[in-house]
Amino acid sequence: ELGENQACDLTVYRGMNLTQNMIQKYKQAIGKTIEWLGFTSTTKNRTKAAQFGTTLFIVHISVQYYDDYGSCHRDISSLSDYPNEEEVLLSPSHRFKV
């Protein structure tokens, strides 16, 4: 249910096609915190994520997250026309350490 506070302990994956310039920006950000501003679609299935792009992000979520809107992620597999994608939606402005 939205609004529940949730302890997260999950690894999700996101495949993306990045330009060499974008890859360099991520390499320069190693050790720093970055933010993905919008809702971010990920999957619990590494193989499935790799089908979506040439660069694979591996996101380890291990936080206690509280806000007015709910938890840091939501498994939306049951809402999808493609439940085998095992989609997990990350909240906007999610911060990650590279």
PDB file of N, CA and C in Angstrom:
ATOM      1  N   GLU A   1       0.841  -1.179   0.000  1.00  0.00           N
ATOM      2  CA  GLU A   1       0.000   0.000   0.000  1.00  0.00           C
ATOM      3  C   GLU A   1       0.878   1.231   0.000  1.00  0.00           C
ATOM      4  N   LEU A   2       0.569   2.193  -0.822  1.00  0.00           N
ATOM      5  CA  LEU A   2       1.310   3.441  -0.823  1.00  0.00           C
ATOM      6  C   LEU A   2       1.182   4.103   0.533  1.00  0.00           C
ATOM      7  N   GLY A   3       2.245   4.755   0.943  1.00  0.00           N
ATOM      8  CA  GLY A   3       2.224   5.408   2.244  1.00  0.00           C
ATOM      9  C   GLY A   3       2.880   4.585   3.323  1.00  0.00           C
ATOM     10  N   GLU A   4       3.107   3.296   3.067  1.00  0.00           N
ATOM     11  CA  GLU A   4       3.800   2.474   4.058  1.00  0.00           C
ATOM     12  C   GLU A   4       5.275   2.801   4.040  1.00  0.00           C
ATOM     13  N   ASN A   5       5.892   2.876   5.214  1.00  0.00           N
ATOM     14  CA  ASN A   5       7.342   2.996   5.285  1.00  0.00           C
ATOM     15  C   ASN A   5       7.909   1.597   5.176  1.00  0.00           C
ATOM     16  N   GLN A   6       9.003   1.470   4.470  1.00  0.00           N
ATOM     17  CA  GLN A   6       9.478   0.140   4.126  1.00  0.00           C
ATOM     18  C   GLN A   6      10.991   0.072   4.226  1.00  0.00           C
ATOM     19  N   ALA A   7      11.489  -0.948   4.883  1.00  0.00           N
ATOM     20  CA  ALA A   7      12.922  -1.214   4.868  1.00  0.00           C
ATOM     21  C   ALA A   7      13.229  -1.930   3.565  1.00  0.00           C
ATOM     22  N   CYS A   8      14.141  -1.386   2.794  1.00  0.00           N
ATOM     23  CA  CYS A   8      14.460  -1.935   1.484  1.00  0.00           C
ATOM     24  C   CYS A   8      15.749  -2.732   1.555  1.00  0.00           C
ATOM     25  N   ASP A   9      15.750  -3.894   0.986  1.00  0.00           N
ATOM     26  CA  ASP A   9      16.952  -4.700   0.839  1.00  0.00           C
ATOM     27  C   ASP A   9      16.780  -5.477  -0.453  1.00  0.00           C
ATOM     28  N   LEU A  10      17.236  -4.894  -1.551  1.00  0.00           N
ATOM     29  CA  LEU A  10      16.892  -5.402  -2.867  1.00  0.00           C
ATOM     30  C   LEU A  10      17.972  -5.007  -3.869  1.00  0.00           C
ATOM     31  N   THR A  11      18.227  -5.861  -4.841  1.00  0.00           N
ATOM     32  CA  THR A  11      19.083  -5.511  -5.971  1.00  0.00           C
ATOM     33  C   THR A  11      18.221  -5.503  -7.221  1.00  0.00           C
ATOM     34  N   VAL A  12      18.281  -4.396  -7.950  1.00  0.00           N
ATOM     35  CA  VAL A  12      17.547  -4.267  -9.204  1.00  0.00           C
ATOM     36  C   VAL A  12      18.528  -3.845 -10.295  1.00  0.00           C
ATOM     37  N   TYR A  13      18.080  -3.971 -11.540  1.00  0.00           N
ATOM     38  CA  TYR A  13      18.948  -3.733 -12.688  1.00  0.00           C
ATOM     39  C   TYR A  13      18.235  -2.834 -13.688  1.00  0.00           C
ATOM     40  N   ARG A  14      19.040  -2.048 -14.417  1.00  0.00           N
ATOM     41  CA  ARG A  14      18.489  -1.190 -15.466  1.00  0.00           C
ATOM     42  C   ARG A  14      19.456  -1.195 -16.641  1.00  0.00           C
ATOM     43  N   GLY A  15      18.962  -1.599 -17.785  1.00  0.00           N
ATOM     44  CA  GLY A  15      19.758  -1.561 -19.003  1.00  0.00           C
ATOM     45  C   GLY A  15      19.486  -0.279 -19.761  1.00  0.00           C
ATOM     46  N   MET A  16      20.568   0.378 -20.207  1.00  0.00           N
ATOM     47  CA  MET A  16      20.435   1.629 -20.957  1.00  0.00           C
ATOM     48  C   MET A  16      21.483   1.681 -22.061  1.00  0.00           C
ATOM     49  N   ASN A  17      21.159   2.380 -23.128  1.00  0.00           N
ATOM     50  CA  ASN A  17      22.139   2.677 -24.167  1.00  0.00           C
ATOM     51  C   ASN A  17      22.708   4.057 -23.872  1.00  0.00           C
ATOM     52  N   LEU A  18      23.996   4.116 -23.546  1.00  0.00           N
ATOM     53  CA  LEU A  18      24.649   5.377 -23.213  1.00  0.00           C
ATOM     54  C   LEU A  18      25.702   5.715 -24.259  1.00  0.00           C
ATOM     55  N   THR A  19      25.862   7.003 -24.514  1.00  0.00           N
ATOM     56  CA  THR A  19      26.943   7.452 -25.383  1.00  0.00           C
ATOM     57  C   THR A  19      28.252   7.362 -24.603  1.00  0.00           C
ATOM     58  N   GLN A  20      29.370   7.410 -25.317  1.00  0.00           N
ATOM     59  CA  GLN A  20      30.671   7.398 -24.645  1.00  0.00           C
ATOM     60  C   GLN A  20      30.806   8.592 -23.704  1.00  0.00           C
ATOM     61  N   ASN A  21      30.243   9.730 -24.085  1.00  0.00           N
ATOM     62  CA  ASN A  21      30.271  10.920 -23.235  1.00  0.00           C
ATOM     63  C   ASN A  21      29.527  10.668 -21.923  1.00  0.00           C
ATOM     64  N   MET A  22      28.368  10.035 -22.005  1.00  0.00           N
ATOM     65  CA  MET A  22      27.593   9.737 -20.798  1.00  0.00           C
ATOM     66  C   MET A  22      28.330   8.726 -19.918  1.00  0.00           C
ATOM     67  N   ILE A  23      28.961   7.734 -20.535  1.00  0.00           N
ATOM     68  CA  ILE A  23      29.728   6.747 -19.773  1.00  0.00           C
ATOM     69  C   ILE A  23      30.862   7.440 -19.029  1.00  0.00           C
ATOM     70  N   GLN A  24      31.537   8.384 -19.690  1.00  0.00           N
ATOM     71  CA  GLN A  24      32.622   9.127 -19.042  1.00  0.00           C
ATOM     72  C   GLN A  24      32.109   9.918 -17.843  1.00  0.00           C
ATOM     73  N   LYS A  25      30.919  10.512 -17.967  1.00  0.00           N
ATOM     74  CA  LYS A  25      30.347  11.271 -16.843  1.00  0.00           C
ATOM     75  C   LYS A  25      30.086  10.361 -15.649  1.00  0.00           C
ATOM     76  N   TYR A  26      29.597   9.158 -15.899  1.00  0.00           N
ATOM     77  CA  TYR A  26      29.386   8.213 -14.796  1.00  0.00           C
ATOM     78  C   TYR A  26      30.716   7.778 -14.201  1.00  0.00           C
ATOM     79  N   LYS A  27      31.730   7.573 -15.032  1.00  0.00           N
ATOM     80  CA  LYS A  27      33.050   7.193 -14.518  1.00  0.00           C
ATOM     81  C   LYS A  27      33.632   8.299 -13.642  1.00  0.00           C
ATOM     82  N   GLN A  28      33.411   9.551 -14.039  1.00  0.00           N
ATOM     83  CA  GLN A  28      33.897  10.684 -13.249  1.00  0.00           C
ATOM     84  C   GLN A  28      33.129  10.825 -11.935  1.00  0.00           C
ATOM     85  N   ALA A  29      31.960  10.230 -11.863  1.00  0.00           N
ATOM     86  CA  ALA A  29      31.125  10.329 -10.668  1.00  0.00           C
ATOM     87  C   ALA A  29      31.369   9.198  -9.672  1.00  0.00           C
ATOM     88  N   ILE A  30      32.322   8.310  -9.953  1.00  0.00           N
ATOM     89  CA  ILE A  30      32.590   7.194  -9.037  1.00  0.00           C
ATOM     90  C   ILE A  30      32.908   7.730  -7.646  1.00  0.00           C
ATOM     91  N   GLY A  31      32.206   7.193  -6.653  1.00  0.00           N
ATOM     92  CA  GLY A  31      32.369   7.626  -5.273  1.00  0.00           C
ATOM     93  C   GLY A  31      31.466   8.787  -4.888  1.00  0.00           C
ATOM     94  N   LYS A  32      30.776   9.361  -5.870  1.00  0.00           N
ATOM     95  CA  LYS A  32      29.887  10.494  -5.620  1.00  0.00           C
ATOM     96  C   LYS A  32      28.433  10.031  -5.645  1.00  0.00           C
ATOM     97  N   THR A  33      27.563  10.895  -5.156  1.00  0.00           N
ATOM     98  CA  THR A  33      26.131  10.619  -5.171  1.00  0.00           C
ATOM     99  C   THR A  33      25.510  11.310  -6.376  1.00  0.00           C
ATOM    100  N   ILE A  34      24.697  10.565  -7.107  1.00  0.00           N
ATOM    101  CA  ILE A  34      23.962  11.124  -8.240  1.00  0.00           C
ATOM    102  C   ILE A  34      22.473  10.957  -7.976  1.00  0.00           C
ATOM    103  N   GLU A  35      21.682  11.613  -8.799  1.00  0.00           N
ATOM    104  CA  GLU A  35      20.234  11.558  -8.620  1.00  0.00           C
ATOM    105  C   GLU A  35      19.563  11.342  -9.967  1.00  0.00           C
ATOM    106  N   TRP A  36      18.673  10.351 -10.032  1.00  0.00           N
ATOM    107  CA  TRP A  36      17.813  10.169 -11.195  1.00  0.00           C
ATOM    108  C   TRP A  36      16.507  10.879 -10.861  1.00  0.00           C
ATOM    109  N   LEU A  37      16.169  11.919 -11.617  1.00  0.00           N
ATOM    110  CA  LEU A  37      15.088  12.820 -11.238  1.00  0.00           C
ATOM    111  C   LEU A  37      13.687  12.236 -11.393  1.00  0.00           C
ATOM    112  N   GLY A  38      13.442  11.467 -12.406  1.00  0.00           N
ATOM    113  CA  GLY A  38      12.098  10.956 -12.642  1.00  0.00           C
ATOM    114  C   GLY A  38      11.891   9.567 -12.074  1.00  0.00           C
ATOM    115  N   PHE A  39      10.670   9.050 -12.224  1.00  0.00           N
ATOM    116  CA  PHE A  39      10.439   7.644 -11.904  1.00  0.00           C
ATOM    117  C   PHE A  39      11.390   6.819 -12.768  1.00  0.00           C
ATOM    118  N   THR A  40      11.968   5.779 -12.201  1.00  0.00           N
ATOM    119  CA  THR A  40      12.941   4.971 -12.925  1.00  0.00           C
ATOM    120  C   THR A  40      12.496   3.522 -12.931  1.00  0.00           C
ATOM    121  N   SER A  41      12.354   2.980 -14.126  1.00  0.00           N
ATOM    122  CA  SER A  41      11.950   1.592 -14.289  1.00  0.00           C
ATOM    123  C   SER A  41      13.173   0.693 -14.199  1.00  0.00           C
ATOM    124  N   THR A  42      13.089  -0.326 -13.344  1.00  0.00           N
ATOM    125  CA  THR A  42      14.162  -1.305 -13.177  1.00  0.00           C
ATOM    126  C   THR A  42      13.531  -2.692 -13.158  1.00  0.00           C
ATOM    127  N   THR A  43      14.359  -3.710 -13.040  1.00  0.00           N
ATOM    128  CA  THR A  43      13.858  -5.077 -12.964  1.00  0.00           C
ATOM    129  C   THR A  43      14.681  -5.881 -11.966  1.00  0.00           C
ATOM    130  N   LYS A  44      14.066  -6.895 -11.405  1.00  0.00           N
ATOM    131  CA  LYS A  44      14.795  -7.821 -10.530  1.00  0.00           C
ATOM    132  C   LYS A  44      15.550  -8.864 -11.354  1.00  0.00           C
ATOM    133  N   ASN A  45      15.322  -8.865 -12.659  1.00  0.00           N
ATOM    134  CA  ASN A  45      15.879  -9.871 -13.559  1.00  0.00           C
ATOM    135  C   ASN A  45      17.048  -9.282 -14.361  1.00  0.00           C
ATOM    136  N   ARG A  46      18.270  -9.648 -13.988  1.00  0.00           N
ATOM    137  CA  ARG A  46      19.471  -9.106 -14.638  1.00  0.00           C
ATOM    138  C   ARG A  46      19.481  -9.381 -16.141  1.00  0.00           C
ATOM    139  N   THR A  47      19.114 -10.586 -16.534  1.00  0.00           N
ATOM    140  CA  THR A  47      19.103 -10.953 -17.953  1.00  0.00           C
ATOM    141  C   THR A  47      18.127 -10.084 -18.730  1.00  0.00           C
ATOM    142  N   LYS A  48      16.964  -9.844 -18.159  1.00  0.00           N
ATOM    143  CA  LYS A  48      15.958  -9.008 -18.819  1.00  0.00           C
ATOM    144  C   LYS A  48      16.468  -7.576 -18.970  1.00  0.00           C
ATOM    145  N   ALA A  49      17.118  -7.041 -17.946  1.00  0.00           N
ATOM    146  CA  ALA A  49      17.644  -5.672 -18.012  1.00  0.00           C
ATOM    147  C   ALA A  49      18.673  -5.528 -19.119  1.00  0.00           C
ATOM    148  N   ALA A  50      19.505  -6.541 -19.288  1.00  0.00           N
ATOM    149  CA  ALA A  50      20.555  -6.492 -20.312  1.00  0.00           C
ATOM    150  C   ALA A  50      19.965  -6.400 -21.717  1.00  0.00           C
ATOM    151  N   GLN A  51      18.720  -6.803 -21.886  1.00  0.00           N
ATOM    152  CA  GLN A  51      18.060  -6.733 -23.192  1.00  0.00           C
ATOM    153  C   GLN A  51      17.656  -5.303 -23.557  1.00  0.00           C
ATOM    154  N   PHE A  52      17.673  -4.397 -22.573  1.00  0.00           N
ATOM    155  CA  PHE A  52      17.216  -3.024 -22.799  1.00  0.00           C
ATOM    156  C   PHE A  52      18.341  -2.058 -23.134  1.00  0.00           C
ATOM    157  N   GLY A  53      19.587  -2.515 -23.124  1.00  0.00           N
ATOM    158  CA  GLY A  53      20.669  -1.602 -23.464  1.00  0.00           C
ATOM    159  C   GLY A  53      22.033  -2.231 -23.316  1.00  0.00           C
ATOM    160  N   THR A  54      23.038  -1.490 -23.746  1.00  0.00           N
ATOM    161  CA  THR A  54      24.412  -1.985 -23.729  1.00  0.00           C
ATOM    162  C   THR A  54      25.134  -1.699 -22.416  1.00  0.00           C
ATOM    163  N   THR A  55      24.557  -0.857 -21.570  1.00  0.00           N
ATOM    164  CA  THR A  55      25.133  -0.547 -20.262  1.00  0.00           C
ATOM    165  C   THR A  55      24.181  -1.058 -19.192  1.00  0.00           C
ATOM    166  N   LEU A  56      24.713  -1.788 -18.233  1.00  0.00           N
ATOM    167  CA  LEU A  56      23.880  -2.356 -17.173  1.00  0.00           C
ATOM    168  C   LEU A  56      24.169  -1.656 -15.853  1.00  0.00           C
ATOM    169  N   PHE A  57      23.138  -1.041 -15.280  1.00  0.00           N
ATOM    170  CA  PHE A  57      23.237  -0.470 -13.943  1.00  0.00           C
ATOM    171  C   PHE A  57      22.791  -1.534 -12.953  1.00  0.00           C
ATOM    172  N   ILE A  58      23.569  -1.729 -11.913  1.00  0.00           N
ATOM    173  CA  ILE A  58      23.220  -2.643 -10.830  1.00  0.00           C
ATOM    174  C   ILE A  58      22.988  -1.775  -9.609  1.00  0.00           C
ATOM    175  N   VAL A  59      21.756  -1.763  -9.106  1.00  0.00           N
ATOM    176  CA  VAL A  59      21.366  -0.866  -8.023  1.00  0.00           C
ATOM    177  C   VAL A  59      21.058  -1.692  -6.786  1.00  0.00           C
ATOM    178  N   HIS A  60      21.838  -1.479  -5.741  1.00  0.00           N
ATOM    179  CA  HIS A  60      21.606  -2.141  -4.460  1.00  0.00           C
ATOM    180  C   HIS A  60      20.854  -1.164  -3.566  1.00  0.00           C
ATOM    181  N   ILE A  61      19.668  -1.554  -3.157  1.00  0.00           N
ATOM    182  CA  ILE A  61      18.848  -0.708  -2.293  1.00  0.00           C
ATOM    183  C   ILE A  61      18.881  -1.318  -0.905  1.00  0.00           C
ATOM    184  N   SER A  62      19.446  -0.587   0.025  1.00  0.00           N
ATOM    185  CA  SER A  62      19.524  -1.073   1.397  1.00  0.00           C
ATOM    186  C   SER A  62      19.418   0.116   2.331  1.00  0.00           C
ATOM    187  N   VAL A  63      18.221   0.636   2.454  1.00  0.00           N
ATOM    188  CA  VAL A  63      17.999   1.835   3.258  1.00  0.00           C
ATOM    189  C   VAL A  63      16.658   1.744   3.963  1.00  0.00           C
ATOM    190  N   GLN A  64      16.508   2.533   4.996  1.00  0.00           N
ATOM    191  CA  GLN A  64      15.197   2.773   5.592  1.00  0.00           C
ATOM    192  C   GLN A  64      14.770   4.116   5.044  1.00  0.00           C
ATOM    193  N   TYR A  65      13.709   4.162   4.278  1.00  0.00           N
ATOM    194  CA  TYR A  65      13.331   5.360   3.535  1.00  0.00           C
ATOM    195  C   TYR A  65      11.955   5.817   3.994  1.00  0.00           C
ATOM    196  N   TYR A  66      11.859   7.066   4.408  1.00  0.00           N
ATOM    197  CA  TYR A  66      10.582   7.627   4.828  1.00  0.00           C
ATOM    198  C   TYR A  66      10.305   8.885   4.026  1.00  0.00           C
ATOM    199  N   ASP A  67       9.127   9.004   3.505  1.00  0.00           N
ATOM    200  CA  ASP A  67       8.676  10.263   2.939  1.00  0.00           C
ATOM    201  C   ASP A  67       7.152  10.271   2.946  1.00  0.00           C
ATOM    202  N   ASP A  68       6.586  11.333   2.433  1.00  0.00           N
ATOM    203  CA  ASP A  68       5.130  11.478   2.456  1.00  0.00           C
ATOM    204  C   ASP A  68       4.427  10.583   1.445  1.00  0.00           C
ATOM    205  N   TYR A  69       5.183   9.991   0.520  1.00  0.00           N
ATOM    206  CA  TYR A  69       4.562   9.250  -0.567  1.00  0.00           C
ATOM    207  C   TYR A  69       4.717   7.748  -0.466  1.00  0.00           C
ATOM    208  N   GLY A  70       5.546   7.280   0.430  1.00  0.00           N
ATOM    209  CA  GLY A  70       5.688   5.840   0.549  1.00  0.00           C
ATOM    210  C   GLY A  70       7.124   5.388   0.483  1.00  0.00           C
ATOM    211  N   SER A  71       7.303   4.181   0.032  1.00  0.00           N
ATOM    212  CA  SER A  71       8.611   3.539   0.079  1.00  0.00           C
ATOM    213  C   SER A  71       9.490   3.971  -1.088  1.00  0.00           C
ATOM    214  N   CYS A  72      10.727   3.505  -1.040  1.00  0.00           N
ATOM    215  CA  CYS A  72      11.713   3.878  -2.056  1.00  0.00           C
ATOM    216  C   CYS A  72      11.473   3.168  -3.381  1.00  0.00           C
ATOM    217  N   HIS A  73      10.699   2.120  -3.377  1.00  0.00           N
ATOM    218  CA  HIS A  73      10.433   1.388  -4.612  1.00  0.00           C
ATOM    219  C   HIS A  73       9.070   0.709  -4.535  1.00  0.00           C
ATOM    220  N   ARG A  74       8.605   0.279  -5.702  1.00  0.00           N
ATOM    221  CA  ARG A  74       7.338  -0.446  -5.754  1.00  0.00           C
ATOM    222  C   ARG A  74       7.451  -1.520  -6.832  1.00  0.00           C
ATOM    223  N   ASP A  75       7.214  -2.755  -6.451  1.00  0.00           N
ATOM    224  CA  ASP A  75       7.168  -3.849  -7.416  1.00  0.00           C
ATOM    225  C   ASP A  75       5.832  -3.745  -8.145  1.00  0.00           C
ATOM    226  N   ILE A  76       5.895  -3.491  -9.449  1.00  0.00           N
ATOM    227  CA  ILE A  76       4.660  -3.318 -10.220  1.00  0.00           C
ATOM    228  C   ILE A  76       4.437  -4.464 -11.213  1.00  0.00           C
ATOM    229  N   SER A  77       5.078  -5.596 -10.961  1.00  0.00           N
ATOM    230  CA  SER A  77       4.925  -6.759 -11.846  1.00  0.00           C
ATOM    231  C   SER A  77       3.468  -7.146 -12.038  1.00  0.00           C
ATOM    232  N   SER A  78       2.703  -7.096 -10.969  1.00  0.00           N
ATOM    233  CA  SER A  78       1.306  -7.533 -11.048  1.00  0.00           C
ATOM    234  C   SER A  78       0.440  -6.558 -11.848  1.00  0.00           C
ATOM    235  N   LEU A  79       0.931  -5.346 -12.092  1.00  0.00           N
ATOM    236  CA  LEU A  79       0.177  -4.353 -12.854  1.00  0.00           C
ATOM    237  C   LEU A  79       0.560  -4.336 -14.329  1.00  0.00           C
ATOM    238  N   SER A  80       1.609  -5.035 -14.664  1.00  0.00           N
ATOM    239  CA  SER A  80       2.185  -4.981 -16.001  1.00  0.00           C
ATOM    240  C   SER A  80       1.531  -5.971 -16.958  1.00  0.00           C
ATOM    241  N   ASP A  81       1.522  -5.597 -18.247  1.00  0.00           N
ATOM    242  CA  ASP A  81       1.121  -6.542 -19.289  1.00  0.00           C
ATOM    243  C   ASP A  81       2.206  -7.587 -19.504  1.00  0.00           C
ATOM    244  N   TYR A  82       3.394  -7.338 -18.932  1.00  0.00           N
ATOM    245  CA  TYR A  82       4.546  -8.233 -19.074  1.00  0.00           C
ATOM    246  C   TYR A  82       5.112  -8.570 -17.694  1.00  0.00           C
ATOM    247  N   PRO A  83       4.380  -9.345 -16.889  1.00  0.00           N
ATOM    248  CA  PRO A  83       4.818  -9.621 -15.517  1.00  0.00           C
ATOM    249  C   PRO A  83       6.159 -10.334 -15.436  1.00  0.00           C
ATOM    250  N   ASN A  84       6.559 -11.031 -16.497  1.00  0.00           N
ATOM    251  CA  ASN A  84       7.852 -11.722 -16.471  1.00  0.00           C
ATOM    252  C   ASN A  84       9.031 -10.748 -16.501  1.00  0.00           C
ATOM    253  N   GLU A  85       8.756  -9.470 -16.761  1.00  0.00           N
ATOM    254  CA  GLU A  85       9.819  -8.465 -16.700  1.00  0.00           C
ATOM    255  C   GLU A  85      10.211  -8.149 -15.254  1.00  0.00           C
ATOM    256  N   GLU A  86       9.367  -8.516 -14.288  1.00  0.00           N
ATOM    257  CA  GLU A  86       9.647  -8.304 -12.863  1.00  0.00           C
ATOM    258  C   GLU A  86      10.004  -6.844 -12.581  1.00  0.00           C
ATOM    259  N   GLU A  87       9.177  -5.943 -13.099  1.00  0.00           N
ATOM    260  CA  GLU A  87       9.474  -4.514 -13.024  1.00  0.00           C
ATOM    261  C   GLU A  87       9.330  -3.953 -11.612  1.00  0.00           C
ATOM    262  N   VAL A  88      10.316  -3.167 -11.240  1.00  0.00           N
ATOM    263  CA  VAL A  88      10.321  -2.441  -9.973  1.00  0.00           C
ATOM    264  C   VAL A  88      10.508  -0.969 -10.315  1.00  0.00           C
ATOM    265  N   LEU A  89       9.600  -0.130  -9.848  1.00  0.00           N
ATOM    266  CA  LEU A  89       9.645   1.295 -10.127  1.00  0.00           C
ATOM    267  C   LEU A  89      10.288   2.016  -8.947  1.00  0.00           C
ATOM    268  N   LEU A  90      11.323   2.813  -9.238  1.00  0.00           N
ATOM    269  CA  LEU A  90      11.978   3.604  -8.199  1.00  0.00           C
ATOM    270  C   LEU A  90      11.350   4.984  -8.155  1.00  0.00           C
ATOM    271  N   SER A  91      11.254   5.536  -6.970  1.00  0.00           N
ATOM    272  CA  SER A  91      10.639   6.844  -6.792  1.00  0.00           C
ATOM    273  C   SER A  91      11.478   7.945  -7.435  1.00  0.00           C
ATOM    274  N   PRO A  92      10.849   9.081  -7.786  1.00  0.00           N
ATOM    275  CA  PRO A  92      11.600  10.201  -8.357  1.00  0.00           C
ATOM    276  C   PRO A  92      12.649  10.720  -7.376  1.00  0.00           C
ATOM    277  N   SER A  93      13.677  11.336  -7.934  1.00  0.00           N
ATOM    278  CA  SER A  93      14.765  11.934  -7.154  1.00  0.00           C
ATOM    279  C   SER A  93      15.483  10.913  -6.291  1.00  0.00           C
ATOM    280  N   HIS A  94      15.545   9.693  -6.776  1.00  0.00           N
ATOM    281  CA  HIS A  94      16.255   8.637  -6.054  1.00  0.00           C
ATOM    282  C   HIS A  94      17.749   8.910  -6.159  1.00  0.00           C
ATOM    283  N   ARG A  95      18.444   8.849  -5.043  1.00  0.00           N
ATOM    284  CA  ARG A  95      19.882   9.127  -5.018  1.00  0.00           C
ATOM    285  C   ARG A  95      20.665   7.834  -4.907  1.00  0.00           C
ATOM    286  N   PHE A  96      21.786   7.796  -5.629  1.00  0.00           N
ATOM    287  CA  PHE A  96      22.636   6.613  -5.669  1.00  0.00           C
ATOM    288  C   PHE A  96      24.087   7.019  -5.527  1.00  0.00           C
ATOM    289  N   LYS A  97      24.848   6.160  -4.902  1.00  0.00           N
ATOM    290  CA  LYS A  97      26.296   6.348  -4.884  1.00  0.00           C
ATOM    291  C   LYS A  97      26.877   5.503  -6.004  1.00  0.00           C
ATOM    292  N   VAL A  98      27.682   6.151  -6.853  1.00  0.00           N
ATOM    293  CA  VAL A  98      28.284   5.461  -8.000  1.00  0.00           C
ATOM    294  C   VAL A  98      29.536   4.737  -7.547  1.00  0.00           C
TER     295      VAL A  98
END
